[in-house]
Structures are given as structure tokens and as C-alpha cells.
């Protein structure tokens, strides 16, 4: 496999002084036997470099910055480093990942995770990080994967804080640390909900460390964990769901697959992790109705029993199961969410959406087309909301969703004005 990397300015026909993004084009060539002859097959994909310059400072022939241009030498060195990194990642693709830009991104993400694991292993000699790694390792055996991911996020944030703000150990966990850590999280762009979620996880870890006789300052118990601000959940209306479900993706089958996974999650009101784990063996027939019965784990070791009767609203999941011979497609959640936004945009799920969020008690208003807010969890929210709007009792809905308590389920209640008007009209 021969790998080559070249650079070019992305925008053609722009003025000489206009700053343009620099993109890398990676080519992978290999000889393959075709009709009894060895022929060279080349595949190319583009990679963003995050750098830019103008045509006046760009050597078009050599596809590199002009050495005499302002900052040209530094830009040249940066591109050489990027070229080396792209070549190393591209070398991982054959046999392991698709030879596409998507495959490159996945390989890059996996490589970053491996580098992060090495960094963590080098730093865990510090007692607080030793204890945190022990905490994560012990919880792995009985907590859900998504919960462990939140613990690893805290681990990364503490490592970053230690490197960028001040070294941290158990002796440093005091009131002053709490204030600095909050500022650090806000400076990184986290909003209130994510910030205080990390504080809550930190307190859980410090409680664990206390139980194992690490020298923890008990002041951590006073660290404030603010209640979440109630904010809007993005959901699809019944009309938008129908439009998305019926949209013709025959020219983009990869997006059609993502659409089908999303709609299956809507009709069953289940999490992404549960739909990709779907097993035909979990189907039973009760009173002539096919029912999906399984156990789900979100947080903690407690398992919740779930029953999804494929009748009424939930029957919309059956044609999707039949289409894929009862084997739901799988992909990483990151890839799914990227492709989902593309599919929703193509299907015209683009009504203006305004979302209020908060950071350090400051209100942040986000205004974008709805498809930009859609993610894997939008499916579960949409399904639950549509069933609540249809008047399904919460007690019955809990059987489908697996929620252990009413309060958690009612957070999904996103009943809109239209549904309120319809309900009042029905009462007469």
C-alpha cells in the first residue's frame, strides 16, 4: 500500500488576498489483480488541516506555503507535521477501517483514545489518579458502559486541570479547588448541567476513596451540586416523524440505514445502546401480540425489565425489523449522530428551533434548524413525548421505557401547545 499526502487550498477562484482553508488530500494506492493483470487502484479522501492562508502566499506548483511569505516557514513545518500524522493514521486503514474519510476519522479517534490511555497510565502514579483509576476499574464490572464513560470524562478533566491549572492530589481538594475547578470547566465551554454532573461524579469518587482510606479532605461533602435547569428537549412532531420515516433515501442508502435505526428507537422508546443490542430471541408472543422483552441497564447495577408490545404506535418498528431480517444495523454512536444530522437535513427536518441553556447562571439562547440539534437520544425523547401526547398513562409507559420512577419519566414530557389544544377540544 502506497500512501501519499498533498495539500491544496479548498476554495477555487477566490481572490489572491482571501484567506482560504488548507485541506489535505490523502491517496492510497495498491496493485490488485484485475482480469489477470495487476492494476493500480487508488482511493482518495480529504482531511481538514485546521490551517489557512491566502493564494498570494501559496506556491501552487508545489502545493505548499511560499517560504518568503509572512509565517510561511512556520506554516510549512506545521503542514509537514500534519502530513506525517495523516500518513501514520492512513497506514492503519487497510484491513481495519474503510478506505474513506469516515474510516480515517474513526481510525484517528481510536488512535487518540490509545494515546490518551498511555497518558493516563503514565500519570496514575499520582495517588489521586491511582485511586480514580481503581474506582473506574472496580465499577466496570457492574455499571453500564455509558456510566463508565462519564467517569473517564472526569478523569480526563482532572488530568487537564492538573496540567493546565495546578497539580492536584487529595490534599488539594478543598474549597479553593472547588471554585477553581468550576471556573476551569466553564472556561472549557461546559454548561451548568455538564459542569455540575462532573462535580457530582467527583463527589461519588471521593466518597469511594474515603471508604478505601485514602487521605480525603471531608470538605468535599460541601461541594454544591446545583439542580439541573429545566430546559427544552428537542423532539420530532408526529408530522416530522412521518416525513422522516417515508423519505426516499434510495440514492443515499447509508443515510436510510441511520433513519431506520432512529425510527426504530422512536417507535420502541428505547436508548441507542438497547436498540443496537436487539436480539430476536427476546421476542415472545402474548395474546397474539409480539412483545420485545429484555433487561436494560443505565446506571448502577440494578437492571430494569422492559416490555415493548409491537401494537399501535410501537407496531411501526415491525417493518424495520423485517427489512433487516431482525438484525438492527450497528455503528458507533459518534458516526450515527453525524450521519443522523445529514439524514434529517436531507429529509427537511429544518424548522427553526430555539434552545435555552445556562453556563455559570448565564442564559445562552441557541437558534438553529432542528436537524442540527438531533442526536440518538432524540429518538427516545420523541417516542415518549408522542405517547404522552396520545394520553398513554405514565404507569404503563414506564413498562415500555424501563424508568424506575415517575419523576425521571416526566422529564420527557415535552407536550406542545398543539397537543394541549387538541386535548381540551376532545374534552368538549
Protein backbone atom coordinates (compact mmCIF):
# COMPACT_ATOMS: atom_id res chain seq x y z
CA UNK A 1 0.00 0.00 0.00
CA UNK A 2 1.50 3.33 -1.11
CA UNK A 3 0.40 6.40 0.84
CA UNK A 4 0.84 9.98 -0.36
CA UNK A 5 -0.39 13.26 1.09
CA UNK A 6 -0.63 16.59 -0.70
CA UNK A 7 -2.15 19.92 0.25
CA UNK A 8 -4.34 22.39 -1.58
CA UNK A 9 -6.44 25.47 -0.94
CA UNK A 10 -10.08 24.49 -0.65
CA UNK A 11 -11.79 27.37 -2.46
CA UNK A 12 -11.17 27.72 -6.17
CA UNK A 13 -11.44 31.05 -7.92
CA UNK A 14 -11.08 33.13 -4.75
CA UNK A 15 -9.11 36.39 -4.74
CA UNK A 16 -5.39 36.26 -4.04
CA UNK A 17 -5.74 38.00 -0.69
CA UNK A 18 -8.71 36.00 0.55
CA UNK A 19 -7.80 33.63 3.37
CA UNK A 20 -8.73 30.05 2.45
CA UNK A 21 -8.71 26.76 4.40
CA UNK A 22 -5.90 24.34 3.59
CA UNK A 23 -7.07 20.77 3.12
CA UNK A 24 -5.03 17.60 2.82
CA UNK A 25 -5.73 15.01 0.14
CA UNK A 26 -4.63 11.52 1.13
CA UNK A 27 -4.13 8.95 -1.64
CA UNK A 28 -3.83 5.21 -1.00
CA UNK A 29 -2.62 3.13 -3.95
CA UNK A 30 -2.09 -0.61 -4.29
CA UNK A 31 -1.78 -3.14 -7.07
CA UNK A 32 -4.68 -5.56 -7.39
CA UNK A 33 -5.20 -8.45 -9.83
CA UNK A 34 -7.97 -7.47 -12.24
CA UNK A 35 -8.78 -9.72 -15.21
CA UNK A 36 -5.44 -11.49 -14.84
CA UNK A 37 -3.41 -8.27 -14.73
CA UNK A 38 -2.02 -6.20 -11.87
CA UNK A 39 -3.59 -2.78 -11.93
CA UNK A 40 -3.02 0.14 -9.60
CA UNK A 41 -6.16 1.08 -7.66
CA UNK A 42 -6.13 4.48 -5.95
CA UNK A 43 -8.57 5.80 -3.39
CA UNK A 44 -8.55 9.38 -2.14
CA UNK A 45 -10.18 11.27 0.68
CA UNK A 46 -9.90 14.79 2.09
CA UNK A 47 -8.82 15.75 5.61
CA UNK A 48 -9.18 19.20 7.18
CA UNK A 49 -5.89 20.61 8.49
CA UNK A 50 -7.39 23.41 10.56
CA UNK A 51 -4.90 25.81 8.91
CA UNK A 52 -5.40 28.53 6.32
CA UNK A 53 -3.56 31.02 4.12
CA UNK A 54 -4.21 33.12 1.02
CA UNK A 55 -3.40 32.37 -2.62
CA UNK A 56 -0.81 35.16 -2.69
CA UNK A 57 1.24 33.28 -0.06
CA UNK A 58 0.71 29.84 -1.60
CA UNK A 59 3.06 28.03 -4.01
CA UNK A 60 0.51 26.50 -6.39
CA UNK A 61 3.06 24.33 -8.21
CA UNK A 62 4.46 22.69 -5.07
CA UNK A 63 1.21 22.97 -3.13
CA UNK A 64 2.94 24.41 -0.08
CA UNK A 65 3.25 27.89 1.50
CA UNK A 66 5.83 30.20 0.00
CA UNK A 67 8.91 30.25 2.28
CA UNK A 68 9.24 34.04 1.96
CA UNK A 69 5.61 34.69 2.89
CA UNK A 70 4.85 36.02 6.41
CA UNK A 71 4.78 32.97 8.69
CA UNK A 72 5.48 30.73 5.69
CA UNK A 73 8.25 28.79 7.42
CA UNK A 74 6.15 28.04 10.48
CA UNK A 75 3.16 27.05 8.34
CA UNK A 76 5.39 24.77 6.27
CA UNK A 77 6.59 22.98 9.43
CA UNK A 78 3.02 22.61 10.71
CA UNK A 79 1.93 21.05 7.42
CA UNK A 80 4.87 18.65 7.49
CA UNK A 81 3.83 17.51 10.97
CA UNK A 82 0.23 17.08 9.77
CA UNK A 83 1.44 15.15 6.73
CA UNK A 84 3.36 12.75 8.96
CA UNK A 85 0.37 12.27 11.26
CA UNK A 86 -2.04 11.67 8.36
CA UNK A 87 0.36 9.12 6.85
CA UNK A 88 0.60 7.26 10.16
CA UNK A 89 -3.18 7.14 10.58
CA UNK A 90 -3.77 6.21 6.93
CA UNK A 91 -1.38 3.28 7.36
CA UNK A 92 -3.83 1.85 9.91
CA UNK A 93 -6.75 1.77 7.44
CA UNK A 94 -6.09 -1.27 5.19
CA UNK A 95 -7.78 -4.31 6.69
CA UNK A 96 -9.03 -2.39 9.74
CA UNK A 97 -11.15 0.53 8.54
CA UNK A 98 -12.91 1.58 5.32
CA UNK A 99 -10.62 3.43 2.91
CA UNK A 100 -12.76 6.56 3.20
CA UNK A 101 -12.81 9.87 5.05
CA UNK A 102 -15.21 8.26 7.55
CA UNK A 103 -12.78 5.38 8.07
CA UNK A 104 -9.94 7.85 8.55
CA UNK A 105 -11.92 9.79 11.19
CA UNK A 106 -12.69 6.58 13.09
CA UNK A 107 -9.04 5.49 12.95
CA UNK A 108 -7.98 8.94 14.14
CA UNK A 109 -10.43 8.79 17.06
CA UNK A 110 -9.20 5.30 18.03
CA UNK A 111 -5.57 6.44 17.84
CA UNK A 112 -6.34 9.44 20.07
CA UNK A 113 -8.00 7.15 22.61
CA UNK A 114 -4.93 4.90 22.66
CA UNK A 115 -2.64 7.90 23.17
CA UNK A 116 -4.91 9.12 25.95
CA UNK A 117 -4.75 5.70 27.62
CA UNK A 118 -0.95 5.86 27.54
CA UNK A 119 -1.00 9.36 29.03
CA UNK A 120 -3.31 8.22 31.80
CA UNK A 121 -1.17 5.18 32.58
CA UNK A 122 1.90 7.41 32.87
CA UNK A 123 0.19 9.74 35.32
CA UNK A 124 -1.64 7.32 37.56
CA UNK A 125 1.37 7.12 39.87
CA UNK A 126 -0.11 10.26 41.43
CA UNK A 127 -2.20 8.95 44.32
CA UNK A 128 -5.47 10.67 43.37
CA UNK A 129 -5.21 9.33 39.83
CA UNK A 130 -4.27 5.88 41.13
CA UNK A 131 -7.41 5.94 43.25
CA UNK A 132 -9.53 7.27 40.36
CA UNK A 133 -8.30 4.51 38.05
CA UNK A 134 -9.06 1.96 40.76
CA UNK A 135 -12.55 3.47 41.11
CA UNK A 136 -13.16 3.12 37.35
CA UNK A 137 -11.76 -0.41 37.17
CA UNK A 138 -13.90 -1.66 40.05
CA UNK A 139 -17.09 -0.10 38.67
CA UNK A 140 -16.55 -1.56 35.19
CA UNK A 141 -17.73 -5.00 36.25
CA UNK A 142 -21.28 -3.94 37.06
CA UNK A 143 -22.03 -0.46 35.73
CA UNK A 144 -23.30 0.42 32.27
CA UNK A 145 -20.73 1.41 29.63
CA UNK A 146 -22.15 4.93 29.31
CA UNK A 147 -21.75 5.47 33.06
CA UNK A 148 -18.11 4.39 32.88
CA UNK A 149 -17.62 6.88 30.04
CA UNK A 150 -18.75 9.72 32.33
CA UNK A 151 -16.18 8.59 34.92
CA UNK A 152 -13.47 8.61 32.25
CA UNK A 153 -14.55 12.10 31.22
CA UNK A 154 -13.95 13.30 34.79
CA UNK A 155 -10.57 11.55 34.70
CA UNK A 156 -9.59 13.45 31.55
CA UNK A 157 -10.79 16.75 33.00
CA UNK A 158 -8.80 16.27 36.22
CA UNK A 159 -5.70 15.38 34.21
CA UNK A 160 -6.18 18.52 32.10
CA UNK A 161 -6.77 20.63 35.21
CA UNK A 162 -3.60 19.23 36.77
CA UNK A 163 -1.59 20.08 33.65
CA UNK A 164 -3.12 23.48 32.85
CA UNK A 165 -4.09 25.00 36.21
CA UNK A 166 -2.30 23.34 39.12
CA UNK A 167 -1.16 19.85 40.14
CA UNK A 168 -3.90 18.13 42.12
CA UNK A 169 -3.81 15.45 44.79
CA UNK A 170 -6.10 14.59 47.70
CA UNK A 171 -4.55 17.32 49.84
CA UNK A 172 -5.52 19.91 47.22
CA UNK A 173 -9.24 19.05 47.22
CA UNK A 174 -10.60 21.96 49.26
CA UNK A 175 -12.98 24.90 48.86
CA UNK A 176 -10.44 26.84 46.78
CA UNK A 177 -10.02 23.85 44.44
CA UNK A 178 -13.81 23.64 44.03
CA UNK A 179 -14.02 27.26 42.83
CA UNK A 180 -11.01 26.89 40.51
CA UNK A 181 -12.34 23.63 39.10
CA UNK A 182 -15.72 25.21 38.34
CA UNK A 183 -14.01 28.09 36.53
CA UNK A 184 -11.84 25.61 34.62
CA UNK A 185 -14.91 23.69 33.45
CA UNK A 186 -16.76 26.84 32.39
CA UNK A 187 -13.65 28.11 30.57
CA UNK A 188 -13.63 24.84 28.60
CA UNK A 189 -17.15 25.64 27.41
CA UNK A 190 -19.13 23.31 29.66
CA UNK A 191 -22.58 24.50 30.63
CA UNK A 192 -24.26 24.20 34.02
CA UNK A 193 -25.66 20.71 33.52
CA UNK A 194 -22.35 19.15 32.41
CA UNK A 195 -20.36 21.13 34.99
CA UNK A 196 -22.39 20.02 37.98
CA UNK A 197 -22.66 16.49 36.65
CA UNK A 198 -18.86 16.30 36.81
CA UNK A 199 -18.91 17.73 40.34
CA UNK A 200 -21.42 15.06 41.35
CA UNK A 201 -19.21 12.33 39.88
CA UNK A 202 -16.19 13.82 41.67
CA UNK A 203 -18.07 13.60 44.97
CA UNK A 204 -19.03 9.98 44.25
CA UNK A 205 -15.37 9.15 43.58
CA UNK A 206 -14.17 10.95 46.73
CA UNK A 207 -16.73 9.03 48.79
CA UNK A 208 -15.30 5.81 47.32
CA UNK A 209 -11.75 6.99 48.12
CA UNK A 210 -12.81 7.77 51.70
CA UNK A 211 -14.16 4.23 52.11
CA UNK A 212 -10.78 2.89 50.97
CA UNK A 213 -8.90 5.06 53.48
CA UNK A 214 -7.32 7.48 51.04
CA UNK A 215 -6.46 10.84 52.71
CA UNK A 216 -9.57 12.70 51.53
CA UNK A 217 -10.43 16.13 52.92
CA UNK A 218 -14.08 15.79 54.10
CA UNK A 219 -14.82 19.33 52.91
CA UNK A 220 -15.74 17.78 49.55
CA UNK A 221 -19.13 16.87 51.04
CA UNK A 222 -19.99 20.59 50.99
CA UNK A 223 -19.30 20.95 47.26
CA UNK A 224 -22.54 22.26 45.78
CA UNK A 225 -24.25 20.31 43.05
CA UNK A 226 -26.93 22.58 41.62
CA UNK A 227 -30.14 21.11 40.37
CA UNK A 228 -30.49 20.99 36.62
CA UNK A 229 -32.21 23.92 34.99
CA UNK A 230 -35.36 22.70 33.28
CA UNK A 231 -34.83 23.23 29.59
CA UNK A 232 -36.45 22.23 26.36
CA UNK A 233 -35.89 18.79 24.89
CA UNK A 234 -35.72 18.57 21.11
CA UNK A 235 -38.29 16.10 19.80
CA UNK A 236 -39.84 15.28 16.46
CA UNK A 237 -43.52 16.01 15.98
CA UNK A 238 -45.81 13.31 14.58
CA UNK A 239 -45.71 15.05 11.19
CA UNK A 240 -41.91 15.26 11.19
CA UNK A 241 -41.62 11.60 12.19
CA UNK A 242 -43.91 10.60 9.31
CA UNK A 243 -41.90 12.73 6.86
CA UNK A 244 -38.61 11.25 8.05
CA UNK A 245 -39.97 7.67 8.06
CA UNK A 246 -41.29 7.95 4.49
CA UNK A 247 -38.41 9.92 2.95
CA UNK A 248 -36.80 8.18 -0.04
CA UNK A 249 -33.12 7.59 0.73
CA UNK A 250 -32.58 5.23 -2.23
CA UNK A 251 -29.73 7.43 -3.51
CA UNK A 252 -28.17 7.60 -0.03
CA UNK A 253 -28.67 4.09 1.43
CA UNK A 254 -26.20 4.73 4.25
CA UNK A 255 -28.44 7.56 5.47
CA UNK A 256 -31.52 5.40 5.02
CA UNK A 257 -29.98 2.87 7.40
CA UNK A 258 -29.44 5.59 10.02
CA UNK A 259 -33.02 6.82 9.53
CA UNK A 260 -34.34 3.30 10.09
CA UNK A 261 -32.33 2.87 13.31
CA UNK A 262 -33.62 6.23 14.56
CA UNK A 263 -37.26 5.44 13.75
CA UNK A 264 -36.97 2.01 15.38
CA UNK A 265 -35.79 3.77 18.55
CA UNK A 266 -38.73 6.23 18.30
CA UNK A 267 -41.36 3.50 17.93
CA UNK A 268 -39.90 1.45 20.78
CA UNK A 269 -38.88 4.42 23.02
CA UNK A 270 -35.51 2.78 23.69
CA UNK A 271 -31.95 4.01 24.12
CA UNK A 272 -29.40 3.65 21.35
CA UNK A 273 -27.43 1.09 23.37
CA UNK A 274 -30.53 -1.10 23.67
CA UNK A 275 -31.60 -0.99 20.03
CA UNK A 276 -28.15 -1.99 18.73
CA UNK A 277 -28.24 -4.90 21.21
CA UNK A 278 -31.61 -6.10 19.89
CA UNK A 279 -31.87 -9.90 19.77
CA UNK A 280 -34.68 -11.77 18.02
CA UNK A 281 -34.57 -14.33 20.85
CA UNK A 282 -36.05 -11.66 23.15
CA UNK A 283 -39.33 -11.67 21.20
CA UNK A 284 -42.30 -13.51 22.69
CA UNK A 285 -45.97 -13.71 21.74
CA UNK A 286 -48.56 -12.66 24.33
CA UNK A 287 -52.26 -12.87 23.46
CA UNK A 288 -51.42 -12.88 19.77
CA UNK A 289 -49.15 -9.79 20.01
CA UNK A 290 -45.38 -9.93 19.50
CA UNK A 291 -43.61 -8.41 22.51
CA UNK A 292 -39.96 -7.44 22.90
CA UNK A 293 -38.88 -8.35 26.46
CA UNK A 294 -35.40 -7.60 27.77
CA UNK A 295 -33.47 -6.08 30.66
CA UNK A 296 -31.81 -2.70 30.35
CA UNK A 297 -29.05 -1.15 32.46
CA UNK A 298 -28.45 2.60 32.51
CA UNK A 299 -26.80 3.42 35.81
CA UNK A 300 -25.96 1.33 38.82
CA UNK A 301 -26.11 -2.46 38.90
CA UNK A 302 -29.91 -2.55 39.01
CA UNK A 303 -31.50 -3.96 35.89
CA UNK A 304 -34.88 -2.76 34.70
CA UNK A 305 -37.28 -5.07 32.86
CA UNK A 306 -38.70 -3.64 29.65
CA UNK A 307 -41.67 -4.81 27.59
CA UNK A 308 -42.44 -3.35 24.18
CA UNK A 309 -45.65 -4.74 22.63
CA UNK A 310 -45.46 -4.31 18.86
CA UNK A 311 -49.00 -2.96 18.55
CA UNK A 312 -50.45 0.51 17.99
CA UNK A 313 -47.74 3.18 17.85
CA UNK A 314 -45.00 0.63 18.61
CA UNK A 315 -46.05 -1.52 15.63
CA UNK A 316 -44.15 0.93 13.41
CA UNK A 317 -40.97 -0.89 14.48
CA UNK A 318 -42.00 -4.19 12.86
CA UNK A 319 -41.45 -3.25 9.16
CA UNK A 320 -37.98 -2.02 10.12
CA UNK A 321 -37.14 -5.34 11.81
CA UNK A 322 -38.41 -7.25 8.79
CA UNK A 323 -36.40 -5.05 6.42
CA UNK A 324 -33.18 -6.03 8.20
CA UNK A 325 -34.17 -9.65 8.90
CA UNK A 326 -34.42 -8.84 12.61
CA UNK A 327 -30.79 -7.72 12.78
CA UNK A 328 -30.59 -4.00 13.59
CA UNK A 329 -27.55 -2.35 11.89
CA UNK A 330 -24.74 -1.27 14.18
CA UNK A 331 -22.24 1.59 14.12
CA UNK A 332 -20.55 3.76 16.72
CA UNK A 333 -22.77 6.37 18.30
CA UNK A 334 -20.42 9.13 17.07
CA UNK A 335 -20.82 8.01 13.44
CA UNK A 336 -24.57 7.54 13.94
CA UNK A 337 -25.05 11.07 15.26
CA UNK A 338 -23.03 12.62 12.43
CA UNK A 339 -24.98 10.72 9.78
CA UNK A 340 -28.31 11.35 11.54
CA UNK A 341 -27.94 15.11 11.19
CA UNK A 342 -27.23 14.67 7.46
CA UNK A 343 -30.27 12.43 7.02
CA UNK A 344 -32.59 14.76 8.95
CA UNK A 345 -31.36 17.78 6.96
CA UNK A 346 -31.95 15.96 3.67
CA UNK A 347 -35.47 14.98 4.81
CA UNK A 348 -36.30 18.61 5.58
CA UNK A 349 -36.40 18.42 9.38
CA UNK A 350 -35.30 22.05 9.45
CA UNK A 351 -37.92 24.05 11.33
CA UNK A 352 -36.32 26.87 13.40
CA UNK A 353 -35.50 25.68 16.90
CA UNK A 354 -34.66 27.86 19.88
CA UNK A 355 -33.00 26.20 22.88
CA UNK A 356 -32.13 27.85 26.20
CA UNK A 357 -29.06 26.63 28.06
CA UNK A 358 -27.16 28.03 31.03
CA UNK A 359 -23.48 28.47 31.87
CA UNK A 360 -22.49 29.98 35.22
CA UNK A 361 -26.14 31.01 35.54
CA UNK A 362 -25.96 32.98 32.29
CA UNK A 363 -28.71 32.22 29.82
CA UNK A 364 -27.50 31.09 26.41
CA UNK A 365 -30.00 31.05 23.55
CA UNK A 366 -29.18 28.69 20.70
CA UNK A 367 -31.08 29.13 17.44
CA UNK A 368 -30.54 26.60 14.66
CA UNK A 369 -32.54 24.39 12.28
CA UNK A 370 -33.94 21.42 14.21
CA UNK A 371 -31.77 18.82 12.43
CA UNK A 372 -28.66 20.36 13.99
CA UNK A 373 -29.97 19.54 17.48
CA UNK A 374 -30.99 15.95 16.69
CA UNK A 375 -28.99 13.10 18.25
CA UNK A 376 -29.51 9.43 19.07
CA UNK A 377 -31.40 10.27 22.28
CA UNK A 378 -33.85 12.47 20.38
CA UNK A 379 -35.50 9.24 19.24
CA UNK A 380 -36.31 8.06 22.76
CA UNK A 381 -37.47 11.55 23.78
CA UNK A 382 -39.69 11.77 20.69
CA UNK A 383 -41.29 8.37 21.21
CA UNK A 384 -42.06 9.02 24.87
CA UNK A 385 -43.39 12.51 24.16
CA UNK A 386 -45.66 11.29 21.35
CA UNK A 387 -47.09 8.56 23.59
CA UNK A 388 -47.67 11.05 26.41
CA UNK A 389 -49.45 13.34 23.94
CA UNK A 390 -51.62 10.40 22.92
CA UNK A 391 -52.66 10.01 26.55
CA UNK A 392 -50.81 6.81 27.41
CA UNK A 393 -50.77 6.56 31.24
CA UNK A 394 -47.36 7.10 32.81
CA UNK A 395 -47.65 3.83 34.77
CA UNK A 396 -47.99 1.88 31.51
CA UNK A 397 -45.33 3.92 29.72
CA UNK A 398 -42.83 3.03 32.46
CA UNK A 399 -43.20 -0.61 31.46
CA UNK A 400 -42.04 0.29 27.96
CA UNK A 401 -39.26 2.72 28.88
CA UNK A 402 -37.85 0.92 31.91
CA UNK A 403 -37.82 4.08 34.03
CA UNK A 404 -37.67 3.22 37.72
CA UNK A 405 -39.59 6.29 38.89
CA UNK A 406 -42.19 8.77 37.68
CA UNK A 407 -40.01 11.87 38.10
CA UNK A 408 -37.40 10.71 35.60
CA UNK A 409 -40.03 9.79 33.03
CA UNK A 410 -41.89 13.09 33.37
CA UNK A 411 -38.73 14.97 32.37
CA UNK A 412 -39.52 13.75 28.88
CA UNK A 413 -42.93 15.43 28.88
CA UNK A 414 -42.45 17.91 26.06
CA UNK A 415 -46.16 18.22 25.27
CA UNK A 416 -46.61 21.15 22.97
CA UNK A 417 -49.33 23.77 22.61
CA UNK A 418 -51.00 21.89 19.73
CA UNK A 419 -51.43 18.79 21.87
CA UNK A 420 -52.90 20.86 24.73
CA UNK A 421 -55.44 22.49 22.38
CA UNK A 422 -56.40 19.09 20.90
CA UNK A 423 -56.86 17.57 24.36
CA UNK A 424 -59.08 20.43 25.51
CA UNK A 425 -61.14 20.21 22.34
CA UNK A 426 -61.63 16.49 22.91
CA UNK A 427 -63.00 17.22 26.37
CA UNK A 428 -65.54 19.28 24.70
